[in-house]
Amino acid sequence: MATYSAKPGAVEQKWFVVDADGKVLGRAASEIASVLRGKHKPEFTPHVDTGDFVVVVNAGKIKVTGAKLDDKYYYSYSGYPGGLKATPLRSMLEKKPEEVLRHAVKGMLPKNKLGRAMIKKLKIYSSADHPHEAQMPQPLKF
């Protein structure tokens, strides 16, 4: 018997909603990345996007443990001499809490075209409201 390999057009994609209120950043990101890749499905195929859509609400209320609020930095480099900017996690959570979670999830996905397609299925909102009610997302428990 041959090993089953999922075809890109035959994959059924569902929608899930995650409430990030009180969840730890890294643990939530790893579960979300697993669902985006499709590793929770029996028809998981590494080279095919078999994952589902994930809507994250209350991203502004996510927690971190230890001294990460002051010790963890996000770096951006403009390409010019002296163009390195370091932003601490505390100010990133105040200004752009969605980007903190997006950065954590993106680091857990493949670094190729497939990973770039998977991150597009992640929708993050800092409040409890989201415009994806028409897709009838199911709550994701982890």
N, C-alpha and C. Protein backbone atom coordinates (compact mmCIF):
# COMPACT_ATOMS: atom_id res chain seq x y z
N MET A 1 0.85 -1.18 0.00
CA MET A 1 0.00 0.00 0.00
C MET A 1 0.89 1.24 0.00
N ALA A 2 0.54 2.20 -0.81
CA ALA A 2 1.34 3.42 -0.94
C ALA A 2 1.01 4.40 0.18
N THR A 3 1.96 5.23 0.52
CA THR A 3 1.75 6.26 1.54
C THR A 3 0.88 7.36 0.97
N TYR A 4 -0.09 7.80 1.76
CA TYR A 4 -1.01 8.85 1.32
C TYR A 4 -0.29 10.20 1.31
N SER A 5 -0.48 10.95 0.25
CA SER A 5 0.07 12.29 0.15
C SER A 5 -1.06 13.24 -0.23
N ALA A 6 -1.27 14.25 0.59
CA ALA A 6 -2.35 15.21 0.35
C ALA A 6 -2.07 16.04 -0.89
N LYS A 7 -3.11 16.33 -1.64
CA LYS A 7 -3.00 17.18 -2.81
C LYS A 7 -3.42 18.60 -2.43
N PRO A 8 -2.77 19.63 -2.95
CA PRO A 8 -3.08 21.00 -2.54
C PRO A 8 -4.53 21.41 -2.74
N GLY A 9 -5.19 20.95 -3.77
CA GLY A 9 -6.57 21.35 -4.02
C GLY A 9 -7.60 20.58 -3.21
N ALA A 10 -7.22 19.44 -2.65
CA ALA A 10 -8.17 18.58 -1.96
C ALA A 10 -8.17 18.76 -0.44
N VAL A 11 -7.47 19.76 0.06
CA VAL A 11 -7.37 19.96 1.50
C VAL A 11 -8.53 20.83 1.97
N GLU A 12 -9.24 20.36 2.99
CA GLU A 12 -10.34 21.14 3.57
C GLU A 12 -9.78 21.98 4.71
N GLN A 13 -9.98 23.30 4.62
CA GLN A 13 -9.44 24.19 5.64
C GLN A 13 -10.57 24.73 6.51
N LYS A 14 -10.41 24.58 7.82
CA LYS A 14 -11.39 25.07 8.79
C LYS A 14 -10.88 26.39 9.38
N TRP A 15 -11.74 27.02 10.15
CA TRP A 15 -11.38 28.26 10.86
C TRP A 15 -11.47 27.99 12.35
N PHE A 16 -10.46 28.44 13.09
CA PHE A 16 -10.43 28.32 14.54
C PHE A 16 -10.22 29.69 15.15
N VAL A 17 -10.76 29.88 16.35
CA VAL A 17 -10.56 31.13 17.08
C VAL A 17 -9.87 30.80 18.41
N VAL A 18 -8.88 31.60 18.77
CA VAL A 18 -8.11 31.40 20.00
C VAL A 18 -8.21 32.67 20.83
N ASP A 19 -8.57 32.52 22.10
CA ASP A 19 -8.58 33.66 23.02
C ASP A 19 -7.24 33.66 23.76
N ALA A 20 -6.41 34.67 23.49
CA ALA A 20 -5.06 34.71 24.05
C ALA A 20 -5.01 35.35 25.44
N ASP A 21 -6.14 35.66 26.01
CA ASP A 21 -6.19 36.31 27.33
C ASP A 21 -5.61 35.37 28.39
N GLY A 22 -4.49 35.77 28.98
CA GLY A 22 -3.87 34.99 30.04
C GLY A 22 -2.99 33.85 29.57
N LYS A 23 -2.86 33.63 28.27
CA LYS A 23 -2.01 32.56 27.75
C LYS A 23 -0.56 33.03 27.70
N VAL A 24 0.36 32.10 27.86
CA VAL A 24 1.79 32.39 27.79
C VAL A 24 2.19 32.46 26.31
N LEU A 25 2.98 33.44 25.96
CA LEU A 25 3.31 33.75 24.57
C LEU A 25 3.87 32.55 23.80
N GLY A 26 4.92 31.93 24.27
CA GLY A 26 5.56 30.86 23.53
C GLY A 26 4.71 29.62 23.41
N ARG A 27 3.99 29.29 24.47
CA ARG A 27 3.15 28.09 24.43
C ARG A 27 1.98 28.28 23.48
N ALA A 28 1.39 29.46 23.49
CA ALA A 28 0.30 29.74 22.56
C ALA A 28 0.81 29.75 21.12
N ALA A 29 1.99 30.34 20.90
CA ALA A 29 2.55 30.42 19.55
C ALA A 29 2.84 29.04 18.99
N SER A 30 3.33 28.12 19.80
CA SER A 30 3.65 26.79 19.29
C SER A 30 2.39 26.03 18.91
N GLU A 31 1.32 26.18 19.68
CA GLU A 31 0.06 25.52 19.34
C GLU A 31 -0.54 26.11 18.07
N ILE A 32 -0.48 27.43 17.94
CA ILE A 32 -1.02 28.09 16.75
C ILE A 32 -0.22 27.68 15.52
N ALA A 33 1.10 27.62 15.63
CA ALA A 33 1.94 27.21 14.51
C ALA A 33 1.65 25.77 14.09
N SER A 34 1.35 24.92 15.03
CA SER A 34 1.02 23.53 14.72
C SER A 34 -0.28 23.43 13.93
N VAL A 35 -1.26 24.25 14.29
CA VAL A 35 -2.54 24.25 13.57
C VAL A 35 -2.37 24.86 12.18
N LEU A 36 -1.56 25.93 12.08
CA LEU A 36 -1.32 26.54 10.77
C LEU A 36 -0.62 25.56 9.81
N ARG A 37 0.26 24.73 10.33
CA ARG A 37 0.95 23.74 9.49
C ARG A 37 0.06 22.56 9.15
N GLY A 38 -0.91 22.25 10.01
CA GLY A 38 -1.80 21.12 9.77
C GLY A 38 -1.35 19.85 10.45
N LYS A 39 -0.48 19.97 11.45
CA LYS A 39 0.07 18.78 12.11
C LYS A 39 -0.97 18.08 12.98
N HIS A 40 -2.12 18.71 13.21
CA HIS A 40 -3.18 18.09 14.00
C HIS A 40 -4.07 17.19 13.15
N LYS A 41 -3.84 17.15 11.84
CA LYS A 41 -4.68 16.38 10.93
C LYS A 41 -4.00 15.06 10.57
N PRO A 42 -4.78 14.01 10.36
CA PRO A 42 -4.16 12.73 9.96
C PRO A 42 -3.58 12.78 8.55
N GLU A 43 -4.07 13.68 7.69
CA GLU A 43 -3.55 13.77 6.33
C GLU A 43 -2.42 14.77 6.19
N PHE A 44 -1.71 15.09 7.27
CA PHE A 44 -0.60 16.04 7.24
C PHE A 44 0.46 15.57 6.25
N THR A 45 0.86 16.50 5.39
CA THR A 45 1.92 16.25 4.42
C THR A 45 2.90 17.42 4.53
N PRO A 46 4.18 17.17 4.77
CA PRO A 46 5.11 18.27 5.04
C PRO A 46 5.26 19.29 3.92
N HIS A 47 5.13 18.87 2.67
CA HIS A 47 5.37 19.78 1.56
C HIS A 47 4.10 20.41 0.99
N VAL A 48 2.95 20.19 1.67
CA VAL A 48 1.67 20.75 1.23
C VAL A 48 1.07 21.55 2.38
N ASP A 49 0.45 22.67 2.06
CA ASP A 49 -0.20 23.50 3.08
C ASP A 49 -1.53 22.86 3.47
N THR A 50 -1.50 22.01 4.51
CA THR A 50 -2.69 21.31 4.96
C THR A 50 -3.31 21.97 6.19
N GLY A 51 -2.80 23.13 6.58
CA GLY A 51 -3.23 23.77 7.81
C GLY A 51 -4.55 24.51 7.70
N ASP A 52 -5.01 25.01 8.84
CA ASP A 52 -6.26 25.72 8.95
C ASP A 52 -6.02 27.19 9.24
N PHE A 53 -7.07 27.98 9.12
CA PHE A 53 -7.02 29.40 9.46
C PHE A 53 -7.15 29.55 10.98
N VAL A 54 -6.44 30.50 11.55
CA VAL A 54 -6.50 30.76 12.99
C VAL A 54 -6.74 32.24 13.21
N VAL A 55 -7.77 32.56 14.00
CA VAL A 55 -8.08 33.93 14.39
C VAL A 55 -7.75 34.06 15.87
N VAL A 56 -6.86 34.98 16.21
CA VAL A 56 -6.47 35.18 17.60
C VAL A 56 -7.07 36.50 18.08
N VAL A 57 -7.81 36.44 19.19
CA VAL A 57 -8.39 37.65 19.79
C VAL A 57 -7.72 37.89 21.15
N ASN A 58 -7.81 39.11 21.63
CA ASN A 58 -7.22 39.53 22.90
C ASN A 58 -5.70 39.33 22.92
N ALA A 59 -5.04 39.63 21.83
CA ALA A 59 -3.59 39.48 21.77
C ALA A 59 -2.89 40.47 22.69
N GLY A 60 -3.54 41.56 23.03
CA GLY A 60 -2.95 42.54 23.94
C GLY A 60 -2.88 42.07 25.37
N LYS A 61 -3.57 40.97 25.70
CA LYS A 61 -3.59 40.46 27.08
C LYS A 61 -2.76 39.21 27.24
N ILE A 62 -1.83 38.97 26.31
CA ILE A 62 -0.99 37.78 26.39
C ILE A 62 0.08 37.98 27.47
N LYS A 63 0.50 36.88 28.11
CA LYS A 63 1.47 36.95 29.20
C LYS A 63 2.83 36.47 28.73
N VAL A 64 3.86 36.90 29.45
CA VAL A 64 5.20 36.35 29.30
C VAL A 64 5.71 36.03 30.70
N THR A 65 6.63 35.09 30.79
CA THR A 65 7.13 34.67 32.09
C THR A 65 8.53 35.22 32.31
N GLY A 66 8.96 35.22 33.54
CA GLY A 66 10.32 35.65 33.88
C GLY A 66 10.51 37.14 33.67
N ALA A 67 11.73 37.50 33.31
CA ALA A 67 12.10 38.91 33.14
C ALA A 67 12.09 39.32 31.67
N LYS A 68 11.31 38.60 30.84
CA LYS A 68 11.33 38.86 29.40
C LYS A 68 10.82 40.25 29.03
N LEU A 69 9.95 40.83 29.84
CA LEU A 69 9.42 42.15 29.51
C LEU A 69 10.53 43.18 29.34
N ASP A 70 11.60 43.05 30.11
CA ASP A 70 12.69 44.01 30.02
C ASP A 70 13.94 43.44 29.33
N ASP A 71 14.08 42.12 29.30
CA ASP A 71 15.30 41.50 28.76
C ASP A 71 15.19 41.12 27.29
N LYS A 72 13.97 40.92 26.78
CA LYS A 72 13.79 40.48 25.39
C LYS A 72 13.66 41.70 24.47
N TYR A 73 14.41 41.68 23.39
CA TYR A 73 14.40 42.79 22.44
C TYR A 73 14.03 42.28 21.04
N TYR A 74 13.39 43.16 20.28
CA TYR A 74 13.12 42.91 18.87
C TYR A 74 13.99 43.86 18.07
N TYR A 75 14.75 43.31 17.12
CA TYR A 75 15.72 44.10 16.38
C TYR A 75 15.24 44.34 14.95
N SER A 76 15.51 45.55 14.45
CA SER A 76 15.28 45.85 13.04
C SER A 76 16.48 46.64 12.56
N TYR A 77 16.91 46.31 11.35
CA TYR A 77 18.11 46.92 10.79
C TYR A 77 17.77 47.54 9.45
N SER A 78 18.11 48.83 9.29
CA SER A 78 17.77 49.55 8.07
C SER A 78 18.73 49.26 6.93
N GLY A 79 19.89 48.70 7.21
CA GLY A 79 20.88 48.44 6.19
C GLY A 79 21.97 49.49 6.14
N TYR A 80 21.78 50.57 6.87
CA TYR A 80 22.76 51.65 6.92
C TYR A 80 23.61 51.52 8.19
N PRO A 81 24.82 52.08 8.18
CA PRO A 81 25.65 52.06 9.39
C PRO A 81 24.93 52.79 10.53
N GLY A 82 24.88 52.16 11.67
CA GLY A 82 24.20 52.74 12.82
C GLY A 82 22.69 52.62 12.74
N GLY A 83 22.18 51.81 11.83
CA GLY A 83 20.74 51.70 11.62
C GLY A 83 20.08 50.56 12.35
N LEU A 84 20.71 50.03 13.40
CA LEU A 84 20.12 48.94 14.18
C LEU A 84 19.24 49.53 15.28
N LYS A 85 17.97 49.11 15.31
CA LYS A 85 17.06 49.57 16.35
C LYS A 85 16.66 48.39 17.20
N ALA A 86 16.68 48.56 18.51
CA ALA A 86 16.28 47.52 19.45
C ALA A 86 15.06 48.02 20.22
N THR A 87 13.98 47.25 20.18
CA THR A 87 12.74 47.61 20.87
C THR A 87 12.46 46.56 21.93
N PRO A 88 12.33 46.94 23.20
CA PRO A 88 12.04 45.94 24.24
C PRO A 88 10.61 45.40 24.11
N LEU A 89 10.42 44.21 24.64
CA LEU A 89 9.12 43.54 24.58
C LEU A 89 8.03 44.37 25.24
N ARG A 90 8.36 45.04 26.32
CA ARG A 90 7.36 45.83 27.04
C ARG A 90 6.74 46.91 26.14
N SER A 91 7.57 47.62 25.38
CA SER A 91 7.02 48.67 24.51
C SER A 91 6.34 48.08 23.28
N MET A 92 6.80 46.91 22.81
CA MET A 92 6.13 46.26 21.69
C MET A 92 4.72 45.81 22.08
N LEU A 93 4.56 45.33 23.31
CA LEU A 93 3.23 44.91 23.78
C LEU A 93 2.30 46.10 23.92
N GLU A 94 2.84 47.28 24.25
CA GLU A 94 2.01 48.47 24.36
C GLU A 94 1.62 49.01 23.00
N LYS A 95 2.59 49.03 22.05
CA LYS A 95 2.35 49.65 20.75
C LYS A 95 1.69 48.70 19.76
N LYS A 96 2.29 47.51 19.56
CA LYS A 96 1.82 46.56 18.56
C LYS A 96 1.77 45.15 19.14
N PRO A 97 0.78 44.82 19.97
CA PRO A 97 0.74 43.47 20.56
C PRO A 97 0.52 42.37 19.52
N GLU A 98 -0.09 42.71 18.38
CA GLU A 98 -0.31 41.70 17.35
C GLU A 98 1.02 41.22 16.76
N GLU A 99 1.97 42.15 16.61
CA GLU A 99 3.24 41.81 15.98
C GLU A 99 4.11 40.92 16.87
N VAL A 100 3.92 41.00 18.19
CA VAL A 100 4.68 40.14 19.10
C VAL A 100 4.30 38.68 18.86
N LEU A 101 3.00 38.42 18.80
CA LEU A 101 2.54 37.05 18.57
C LEU A 101 2.85 36.60 17.15
N ARG A 102 2.71 37.48 16.16
CA ARG A 102 3.00 37.12 14.77
C ARG A 102 4.47 36.74 14.61
N HIS A 103 5.36 37.48 15.27
CA HIS A 103 6.79 37.21 15.21
C HIS A 103 7.11 35.86 15.84
N ALA A 104 6.47 35.54 16.95
CA ALA A 104 6.71 34.27 17.62
C ALA A 104 6.23 33.09 16.78
N VAL A 105 5.06 33.23 16.16
CA VAL A 105 4.52 32.14 15.34
C VAL A 105 5.33 31.98 14.06
N LYS A 106 5.73 33.09 13.45
CA LYS A 106 6.47 33.03 12.20
C LYS A 106 7.81 32.32 12.38
N GLY A 107 8.42 32.47 13.54
CA GLY A 107 9.68 31.79 13.81
C GLY A 107 9.55 30.29 13.93
N MET A 108 8.32 29.80 14.11
CA MET A 108 8.07 28.36 14.26
C MET A 108 7.58 27.71 12.97
N LEU A 109 7.46 28.48 11.90
CA LEU A 109 7.00 27.95 10.62
C LEU A 109 8.20 27.75 9.69
N PRO A 110 8.03 26.99 8.61
CA PRO A 110 9.13 26.80 7.65
C PRO A 110 9.57 28.11 7.03
N LYS A 111 10.86 28.20 6.73
CA LYS A 111 11.42 29.43 6.17
C LYS A 111 11.49 29.32 4.65
N ASN A 112 10.34 29.21 3.99
CA ASN A 112 10.27 29.10 2.54
C ASN A 112 8.91 29.60 2.06
N LYS A 113 8.57 29.33 0.81
CA LYS A 113 7.29 29.78 0.25
C LYS A 113 6.12 29.21 1.03
N LEU A 114 6.26 27.98 1.49
CA LEU A 114 5.19 27.33 2.23
C LEU A 114 4.94 28.05 3.55
N GLY A 115 5.99 28.43 4.25
CA GLY A 115 5.83 29.17 5.50
C GLY A 115 5.21 30.53 5.30
N ARG A 116 5.56 31.20 4.20
CA ARG A 116 4.97 32.51 3.91
C ARG A 116 3.50 32.38 3.58
N ALA A 117 3.10 31.27 2.98
CA ALA A 117 1.68 31.04 2.71
C ALA A 117 0.93 30.72 3.99
N MET A 118 1.58 30.02 4.92
CA MET A 118 0.93 29.64 6.17
C MET A 118 0.70 30.84 7.07
N ILE A 119 1.64 31.78 7.13
CA ILE A 119 1.50 32.92 8.03
C ILE A 119 0.36 33.83 7.56
N LYS A 120 0.00 33.77 6.29
CA LYS A 120 -1.12 34.58 5.79
C LYS A 120 -2.46 34.09 6.31
N LYS A 121 -2.50 32.85 6.82
CA LYS A 121 -3.74 32.31 7.36
C LYS A 121 -3.93 32.65 8.84
N LEU A 122 -3.02 33.43 9.40
CA LEU A 122 -3.10 33.85 10.80
C LEU A 122 -3.66 35.27 10.86
N LYS A 123 -4.78 35.43 11.57
CA LYS A 123 -5.42 36.74 11.74
C LYS A 123 -5.37 37.08 13.22
N ILE A 124 -4.73 38.20 13.58
CA ILE A 124 -4.52 38.56 14.98
C ILE A 124 -5.18 39.90 15.27
N TYR A 125 -5.93 39.97 16.39
CA TYR A 125 -6.60 41.20 16.81
C TYR A 125 -6.33 41.42 18.29
N SER A 126 -6.07 42.67 18.67
CA SER A 126 -5.72 42.96 20.06
C SER A 126 -6.95 43.04 20.95
N SER A 127 -8.13 43.17 20.38
CA SER A 127 -9.36 43.22 21.18
C SER A 127 -10.14 41.92 20.98
N ALA A 128 -11.33 41.86 21.58
CA ALA A 128 -12.15 40.65 21.49
C ALA A 128 -12.98 40.59 20.22
N ASP A 129 -13.01 41.66 19.43
CA ASP A 129 -13.81 41.70 18.20
C ASP A 129 -12.98 41.27 17.00
N HIS A 130 -13.62 40.57 16.08
CA HIS A 130 -12.97 40.21 14.82
C HIS A 130 -14.02 40.13 13.71
N PRO A 131 -13.63 40.41 12.47
CA PRO A 131 -14.59 40.44 11.37
C PRO A 131 -14.77 39.09 10.65
N HIS A 132 -14.49 37.98 11.31
CA HIS A 132 -14.53 36.68 10.65
C HIS A 132 -15.67 35.80 11.18
N GLU A 133 -16.75 36.41 11.64
CA GLU A 133 -17.88 35.64 12.14
C GLU A 133 -18.55 34.84 11.03
N ALA A 134 -18.50 35.32 9.78
CA ALA A 134 -19.16 34.62 8.67
C ALA A 134 -18.53 33.26 8.40
N GLN A 135 -17.26 33.08 8.77
CA GLN A 135 -16.58 31.80 8.56
C GLN A 135 -16.91 30.79 9.66
N MET A 136 -17.65 31.22 10.68
CA MET A 136 -18.04 30.38 11.81
C MET A 136 -16.84 29.66 12.43
N PRO A 137 -15.87 30.42 12.98
CA PRO A 137 -14.70 29.76 13.57
C PRO A 137 -15.05 29.01 14.84
N GLN A 138 -14.44 27.86 15.00
CA GLN A 138 -14.65 27.04 16.18
C GLN A 138 -13.59 27.39 17.22
N PRO A 139 -13.93 27.36 18.51
CA PRO A 139 -12.89 27.63 19.53
C PRO A 139 -11.85 26.53 19.55
N LEU A 140 -10.60 26.93 19.67
CA LEU A 140 -9.48 26.00 19.70
C LEU A 140 -9.03 25.84 21.14
N LYS A 141 -9.07 24.64 21.66
CA LYS A 141 -8.66 24.36 23.03
C LYS A 141 -7.26 23.80 23.05
N PHE A 142 -6.42 24.34 23.94
CA PHE A 142 -5.09 23.79 24.16
C PHE A 142 -4.64 24.13 25.54
